Amino acid sequence: MVGIVIVSHSQKIAEGAKELALQMAPEAPIAAAGGLPDGGIGTDFQRIYDAIESVAGADGVIVLFDMGSAIMTTEMVIDSFDGVDIRMVDGPVVESSVVAAVSSAVGMDMDGIVEAIRDAAQTPKLSS
């Protein structure tokens, strides 16, 4: 299965998105990397590194993120990995987490999950 990492400036947001995704796909390999070690708002290289390492496997890892330094720090972390297919995918964190978890759990490959997340990001929530 493709691993999923949720990176947020807030530990509660990352953990909440993970919790919701696991409700939909309990067997999906998901890790949350949110906030700073002291509980503050921010992103932490080691938390992101450990999260990716915890779900990394032969099928690769998708990283979802909120904004700003989450992107920059994640890019630095990815540069420190060798031999792991890690892709950052732009999409709404909550919806993307659920789509990625369900897609991974049913055995979809990395490219399929990336496309599913992009499709979900383009799908309106309300019909006007």
N, C-alpha and C. Protein backbone atom coordinates (compact mmCIF):
# COMPACT_ATOMS: atom_id res chain seq x y z
N MET A 1 0.83 -1.19 0.00
CA MET A 1 0.00 0.00 0.00
C MET A 1 0.87 1.25 0.00
N VAL A 2 0.36 2.28 -0.62
CA VAL A 2 1.05 3.57 -0.63
C VAL A 2 0.86 4.21 0.74
N GLY A 3 1.97 4.67 1.33
CA GLY A 3 1.90 5.36 2.61
C GLY A 3 1.44 6.80 2.43
N ILE A 4 0.85 7.34 3.47
CA ILE A 4 0.32 8.70 3.43
C ILE A 4 0.83 9.45 4.65
N VAL A 5 1.34 10.67 4.42
CA VAL A 5 1.78 11.53 5.51
C VAL A 5 1.04 12.85 5.40
N ILE A 6 0.51 13.30 6.52
CA ILE A 6 -0.20 14.57 6.59
C ILE A 6 0.67 15.55 7.36
N VAL A 7 1.09 16.63 6.68
CA VAL A 7 1.95 17.64 7.29
C VAL A 7 1.12 18.91 7.49
N SER A 8 1.09 19.38 8.72
CA SER A 8 0.37 20.62 9.02
C SER A 8 1.16 21.41 10.06
N HIS A 9 0.90 22.69 10.10
CA HIS A 9 1.49 23.53 11.14
C HIS A 9 0.88 23.21 12.51
N SER A 10 -0.26 22.56 12.51
CA SER A 10 -0.98 22.24 13.74
C SER A 10 -1.01 20.73 13.96
N GLN A 11 -0.57 20.31 15.13
CA GLN A 11 -0.62 18.89 15.46
C GLN A 11 -2.06 18.40 15.46
N LYS A 12 -2.98 19.23 15.97
CA LYS A 12 -4.39 18.82 16.02
C LYS A 12 -4.99 18.64 14.64
N ILE A 13 -4.63 19.51 13.70
CA ILE A 13 -5.15 19.36 12.34
C ILE A 13 -4.62 18.09 11.71
N ALA A 14 -3.32 17.86 11.80
CA ALA A 14 -2.73 16.65 11.22
C ALA A 14 -3.33 15.39 11.84
N GLU A 15 -3.43 15.36 13.15
CA GLU A 15 -4.00 14.19 13.83
C GLU A 15 -5.48 14.02 13.52
N GLY A 16 -6.22 15.13 13.42
CA GLY A 16 -7.64 15.06 13.10
C GLY A 16 -7.89 14.53 11.70
N ALA A 17 -7.10 14.99 10.73
CA ALA A 17 -7.24 14.49 9.35
C ALA A 17 -6.90 13.00 9.30
N LYS A 18 -5.87 12.61 10.03
CA LYS A 18 -5.49 11.19 10.10
C LYS A 18 -6.63 10.38 10.71
N GLU A 19 -7.18 10.86 11.80
CA GLU A 19 -8.27 10.14 12.48
C GLU A 19 -9.47 9.93 11.55
N LEU A 20 -9.86 10.97 10.83
CA LEU A 20 -10.99 10.85 9.91
C LEU A 20 -10.67 9.86 8.79
N ALA A 21 -9.48 9.96 8.21
CA ALA A 21 -9.10 9.05 7.13
C ALA A 21 -9.10 7.60 7.61
N LEU A 22 -8.61 7.37 8.82
CA LEU A 22 -8.59 6.01 9.35
C LEU A 22 -9.99 5.48 9.65
N GLN A 23 -10.96 6.37 9.88
CA GLN A 23 -12.35 5.92 10.04
C GLN A 23 -12.86 5.31 8.75
N MET A 24 -12.39 5.85 7.62
CA MET A 24 -12.83 5.38 6.31
C MET A 24 -12.00 4.19 5.82
N ALA A 25 -10.74 4.14 6.22
CA ALA A 25 -9.83 3.08 5.75
C ALA A 25 -8.88 2.72 6.87
N PRO A 26 -9.34 1.93 7.85
CA PRO A 26 -8.54 1.65 9.05
C PRO A 26 -7.21 0.96 8.79
N GLU A 27 -7.07 0.28 7.66
CA GLU A 27 -5.83 -0.44 7.39
C GLU A 27 -4.81 0.39 6.62
N ALA A 28 -5.18 1.60 6.22
CA ALA A 28 -4.27 2.44 5.44
C ALA A 28 -3.08 2.90 6.29
N PRO A 29 -1.88 2.89 5.70
CA PRO A 29 -0.70 3.36 6.43
C PRO A 29 -0.62 4.89 6.39
N ILE A 30 -1.01 5.52 7.49
CA ILE A 30 -1.07 6.98 7.56
C ILE A 30 -0.28 7.45 8.77
N ALA A 31 0.44 8.55 8.60
CA ALA A 31 1.16 9.18 9.71
C ALA A 31 0.88 10.67 9.68
N ALA A 32 0.81 11.26 10.86
CA ALA A 32 0.60 12.70 10.99
C ALA A 32 1.89 13.35 11.48
N ALA A 33 2.23 14.48 10.88
CA ALA A 33 3.42 15.24 11.28
C ALA A 33 2.99 16.70 11.41
N GLY A 34 2.50 17.05 12.58
CA GLY A 34 2.00 18.40 12.76
C GLY A 34 2.61 19.08 13.96
N GLY A 35 2.82 20.37 13.81
CA GLY A 35 3.28 21.18 14.92
C GLY A 35 4.74 20.98 15.27
N LEU A 36 5.13 21.70 16.30
CA LEU A 36 6.50 21.65 16.81
C LEU A 36 6.60 20.74 18.02
N PRO A 37 7.78 20.26 18.36
CA PRO A 37 7.93 19.37 19.51
C PRO A 37 7.41 19.93 20.82
N ASP A 38 7.43 21.26 20.97
CA ASP A 38 6.94 21.88 22.21
C ASP A 38 5.43 22.10 22.20
N GLY A 39 4.76 21.63 21.14
CA GLY A 39 3.32 21.78 21.04
C GLY A 39 2.89 23.04 20.29
N GLY A 40 3.85 23.84 19.89
CA GLY A 40 3.54 25.08 19.19
C GLY A 40 3.19 24.86 17.73
N ILE A 41 2.81 25.94 17.10
CA ILE A 41 2.45 25.94 15.69
C ILE A 41 3.73 26.03 14.85
N GLY A 42 3.84 25.20 13.84
CA GLY A 42 5.01 25.21 12.96
C GLY A 42 5.22 23.85 12.35
N THR A 43 6.31 23.70 11.62
CA THR A 43 6.65 22.40 11.04
C THR A 43 8.04 22.01 11.51
N ASP A 44 8.24 20.71 11.67
CA ASP A 44 9.48 20.20 12.24
C ASP A 44 10.07 19.12 11.33
N PHE A 45 11.29 19.34 10.91
CA PHE A 45 11.99 18.42 10.01
C PHE A 45 11.94 16.98 10.54
N GLN A 46 12.30 16.77 11.79
CA GLN A 46 12.39 15.42 12.33
C GLN A 46 11.03 14.74 12.40
N ARG A 47 9.98 15.49 12.74
CA ARG A 47 8.64 14.90 12.77
C ARG A 47 8.22 14.42 11.39
N ILE A 48 8.50 15.24 10.39
CA ILE A 48 8.14 14.88 9.02
C ILE A 48 8.97 13.68 8.57
N TYR A 49 10.27 13.71 8.85
CA TYR A 49 11.15 12.60 8.50
C TYR A 49 10.65 11.29 9.13
N ASP A 50 10.37 11.33 10.43
CA ASP A 50 9.92 10.13 11.13
C ASP A 50 8.59 9.62 10.59
N ALA A 51 7.70 10.55 10.25
CA ALA A 51 6.39 10.15 9.70
C ALA A 51 6.56 9.45 8.37
N ILE A 52 7.38 10.02 7.49
CA ILE A 52 7.62 9.38 6.19
C ILE A 52 8.26 8.01 6.38
N GLU A 53 9.26 7.95 7.22
CA GLU A 53 9.95 6.68 7.48
C GLU A 53 8.98 5.62 8.00
N SER A 54 8.01 6.03 8.82
CA SER A 54 7.10 5.06 9.44
C SER A 54 6.11 4.43 8.46
N VAL A 55 5.85 5.09 7.33
CA VAL A 55 4.89 4.54 6.36
C VAL A 55 5.53 4.20 5.02
N ALA A 56 6.84 4.41 4.91
CA ALA A 56 7.54 4.16 3.64
C ALA A 56 7.60 2.66 3.35
N GLY A 57 7.29 2.33 2.13
CA GLY A 57 7.38 0.94 1.69
C GLY A 57 7.65 0.91 0.20
N ALA A 58 7.55 -0.24 -0.36
CA ALA A 58 7.86 -0.43 -1.78
C ALA A 58 6.93 0.36 -2.69
N ASP A 59 5.72 0.66 -2.22
CA ASP A 59 4.74 1.36 -3.06
C ASP A 59 4.87 2.88 -3.00
N GLY A 60 5.73 3.39 -2.11
CA GLY A 60 5.97 4.82 -2.03
C GLY A 60 5.13 5.54 -0.98
N VAL A 61 5.30 6.86 -0.96
CA VAL A 61 4.64 7.70 0.05
C VAL A 61 4.10 8.95 -0.62
N ILE A 62 2.88 9.30 -0.28
CA ILE A 62 2.28 10.56 -0.69
C ILE A 62 2.26 11.47 0.53
N VAL A 63 2.72 12.71 0.34
CA VAL A 63 2.71 13.69 1.42
C VAL A 63 1.71 14.78 1.08
N LEU A 64 0.78 14.99 1.99
CA LEU A 64 -0.20 16.08 1.89
C LEU A 64 0.22 17.15 2.88
N PHE A 65 -0.05 18.39 2.60
CA PHE A 65 0.49 19.49 3.41
C PHE A 65 -0.47 20.67 3.41
N ASP A 66 -0.29 21.55 4.40
CA ASP A 66 -1.17 22.71 4.42
C ASP A 66 -0.59 23.90 3.67
N MET A 67 0.49 24.51 4.11
CA MET A 67 0.98 25.72 3.43
C MET A 67 2.39 26.08 3.87
N GLY A 68 2.95 27.07 3.21
CA GLY A 68 4.19 27.72 3.61
C GLY A 68 5.33 26.80 3.97
N SER A 69 5.76 26.89 5.23
CA SER A 69 6.93 26.12 5.64
C SER A 69 6.69 24.62 5.63
N ALA A 70 5.44 24.19 5.61
CA ALA A 70 5.16 22.76 5.48
C ALA A 70 5.70 22.26 4.15
N ILE A 71 5.59 23.08 3.12
CA ILE A 71 6.09 22.72 1.80
C ILE A 71 7.61 22.71 1.82
N MET A 72 8.18 23.81 2.30
CA MET A 72 9.64 23.97 2.30
C MET A 72 10.33 22.89 3.15
N THR A 73 9.81 22.65 4.33
CA THR A 73 10.42 21.66 5.22
C THR A 73 10.28 20.26 4.64
N THR A 74 9.11 19.96 4.08
CA THR A 74 8.90 18.64 3.48
C THR A 74 9.86 18.42 2.31
N GLU A 75 10.07 19.44 1.50
CA GLU A 75 11.01 19.30 0.38
C GLU A 75 12.42 18.98 0.89
N MET A 76 12.82 19.61 1.99
CA MET A 76 14.13 19.31 2.56
C MET A 76 14.20 17.88 3.07
N VAL A 77 13.13 17.43 3.70
CA VAL A 77 13.08 16.05 4.20
C VAL A 77 13.18 15.07 3.03
N ILE A 78 12.42 15.29 2.00
CA ILE A 78 12.43 14.39 0.84
C ILE A 78 13.83 14.29 0.25
N ASP A 79 14.56 15.40 0.21
CA ASP A 79 15.92 15.39 -0.30
C ASP A 79 16.85 14.50 0.51
N SER A 80 16.49 14.20 1.75
CA SER A 80 17.35 13.38 2.60
C SER A 80 17.04 11.89 2.49
N PHE A 81 16.02 11.52 1.72
CA PHE A 81 15.68 10.12 1.51
C PHE A 81 16.28 9.62 0.21
N ASP A 82 16.72 8.38 0.22
CA ASP A 82 17.22 7.73 -0.98
C ASP A 82 16.42 6.46 -1.23
N GLY A 83 16.04 6.25 -2.46
CA GLY A 83 15.41 5.00 -2.83
C GLY A 83 13.95 4.87 -2.45
N VAL A 84 13.30 5.95 -2.03
CA VAL A 84 11.88 5.91 -1.69
C VAL A 84 11.16 6.88 -2.63
N ASP A 85 10.09 6.40 -3.28
CA ASP A 85 9.29 7.26 -4.14
C ASP A 85 8.37 8.08 -3.23
N ILE A 86 8.69 9.35 -3.07
CA ILE A 86 7.91 10.25 -2.21
C ILE A 86 7.40 11.39 -3.08
N ARG A 87 6.10 11.60 -3.05
CA ARG A 87 5.51 12.67 -3.85
C ARG A 87 4.64 13.58 -2.99
N MET A 88 4.88 14.86 -3.14
CA MET A 88 4.02 15.85 -2.51
C MET A 88 2.85 16.10 -3.46
N VAL A 89 1.64 16.08 -2.91
CA VAL A 89 0.45 16.28 -3.74
C VAL A 89 -0.36 17.43 -3.17
N ASP A 90 -0.67 18.38 -4.04
CA ASP A 90 -1.42 19.57 -3.65
C ASP A 90 -2.92 19.29 -3.70
N GLY A 91 -3.56 19.46 -2.58
CA GLY A 91 -5.01 19.27 -2.50
C GLY A 91 -5.47 19.64 -1.11
N PRO A 92 -6.77 19.77 -0.91
CA PRO A 92 -7.28 20.08 0.43
C PRO A 92 -6.92 18.95 1.39
N VAL A 93 -6.36 19.30 2.53
CA VAL A 93 -5.78 18.30 3.44
C VAL A 93 -6.80 17.25 3.89
N VAL A 94 -7.96 17.67 4.34
CA VAL A 94 -8.93 16.70 4.88
C VAL A 94 -9.46 15.78 3.78
N GLU A 95 -9.96 16.38 2.71
CA GLU A 95 -10.51 15.57 1.62
C GLU A 95 -9.43 14.67 1.01
N SER A 96 -8.26 15.23 0.80
CA SER A 96 -7.16 14.46 0.21
C SER A 96 -6.74 13.30 1.10
N SER A 97 -6.76 13.51 2.40
CA SER A 97 -6.39 12.44 3.33
C SER A 97 -7.35 11.26 3.21
N VAL A 98 -8.63 11.55 3.14
CA VAL A 98 -9.63 10.49 3.03
C VAL A 98 -9.50 9.78 1.68
N VAL A 99 -9.41 10.55 0.61
CA VAL A 99 -9.27 9.96 -0.73
C VAL A 99 -8.01 9.10 -0.81
N ALA A 100 -6.91 9.61 -0.31
CA ALA A 100 -5.64 8.86 -0.36
C ALA A 100 -5.73 7.58 0.46
N ALA A 101 -6.30 7.66 1.66
CA ALA A 101 -6.40 6.48 2.52
C ALA A 101 -7.26 5.39 1.89
N VAL A 102 -8.42 5.77 1.41
CA VAL A 102 -9.32 4.78 0.80
C VAL A 102 -8.67 4.19 -0.46
N SER A 103 -8.07 5.04 -1.27
CA SER A 103 -7.44 4.58 -2.50
C SER A 103 -6.27 3.63 -2.21
N SER A 104 -5.47 3.98 -1.22
CA SER A 104 -4.35 3.11 -0.85
C SER A 104 -4.86 1.77 -0.32
N ALA A 105 -5.88 1.83 0.51
CA ALA A 105 -6.41 0.61 1.12
C ALA A 105 -6.97 -0.37 0.10
N VAL A 106 -7.48 0.14 -1.01
CA VAL A 106 -8.02 -0.76 -2.05
C VAL A 106 -6.96 -1.17 -3.05
N GLY A 107 -5.70 -0.74 -2.82
CA GLY A 107 -4.60 -1.19 -3.64
C GLY A 107 -4.26 -0.33 -4.84
N MET A 108 -4.79 0.89 -4.89
CA MET A 108 -4.48 1.77 -6.01
C MET A 108 -3.00 2.13 -5.97
N ASP A 109 -2.39 2.28 -7.13
CA ASP A 109 -0.97 2.64 -7.17
C ASP A 109 -0.79 4.15 -6.99
N MET A 110 0.47 4.55 -6.87
CA MET A 110 0.81 5.94 -6.61
C MET A 110 0.18 6.89 -7.63
N ASP A 111 0.35 6.61 -8.92
CA ASP A 111 -0.20 7.50 -9.95
C ASP A 111 -1.71 7.61 -9.84
N GLY A 112 -2.37 6.51 -9.58
CA GLY A 112 -3.83 6.52 -9.43
C GLY A 112 -4.28 7.35 -8.24
N ILE A 113 -3.56 7.25 -7.14
CA ILE A 113 -3.92 8.02 -5.95
C ILE A 113 -3.69 9.51 -6.19
N VAL A 114 -2.58 9.85 -6.83
CA VAL A 114 -2.31 11.26 -7.14
C VAL A 114 -3.45 11.82 -8.00
N GLU A 115 -3.86 11.08 -9.01
CA GLU A 115 -4.95 11.53 -9.87
C GLU A 115 -6.26 11.64 -9.09
N ALA A 116 -6.54 10.70 -8.21
CA ALA A 116 -7.78 10.74 -7.41
C ALA A 116 -7.80 11.98 -6.50
N ILE A 117 -6.64 12.32 -5.93
CA ILE A 117 -6.56 13.52 -5.08
C ILE A 117 -6.80 14.77 -5.93
N ARG A 118 -6.19 14.82 -7.08
CA ARG A 118 -6.37 15.99 -7.96
C ARG A 118 -7.82 16.11 -8.42
N ASP A 119 -8.46 14.98 -8.71
CA ASP A 119 -9.88 15.01 -9.08
C ASP A 119 -10.73 15.52 -7.93
N ALA A 120 -10.44 15.05 -6.72
CA ALA A 120 -11.21 15.48 -5.54
C ALA A 120 -11.05 16.98 -5.30
N ALA A 121 -9.86 17.50 -5.58
CA ALA A 121 -9.61 18.92 -5.37
C ALA A 121 -10.43 19.76 -6.36
N GLN A 122 -10.77 19.20 -7.50
CA GLN A 122 -11.52 19.93 -8.52
C GLN A 122 -13.04 19.73 -8.42
N THR A 123 -13.47 18.82 -7.58
CA THR A 123 -14.89 18.51 -7.47
C THR A 123 -15.57 19.47 -6.51
N PRO A 124 -16.58 20.21 -6.99
CA PRO A 124 -17.28 21.15 -6.09
C PRO A 124 -18.03 20.39 -4.99
N LYS A 125 -18.08 21.00 -3.83
CA LYS A 125 -18.82 20.41 -2.71
C LYS A 125 -20.31 20.71 -2.79
N LEU A 126 -20.63 21.82 -3.42
CA LEU A 126 -22.03 22.23 -3.57
C LEU A 126 -22.38 22.31 -5.04
N SER A 127 -23.59 21.91 -5.37
CA SER A 127 -24.03 22.11 -6.75
C SER A 127 -24.83 23.41 -6.76
N SER A 128 -24.41 24.33 -7.58
CA SER A 128 -25.04 25.66 -7.59
C SER A 128 -26.32 25.70 -8.35
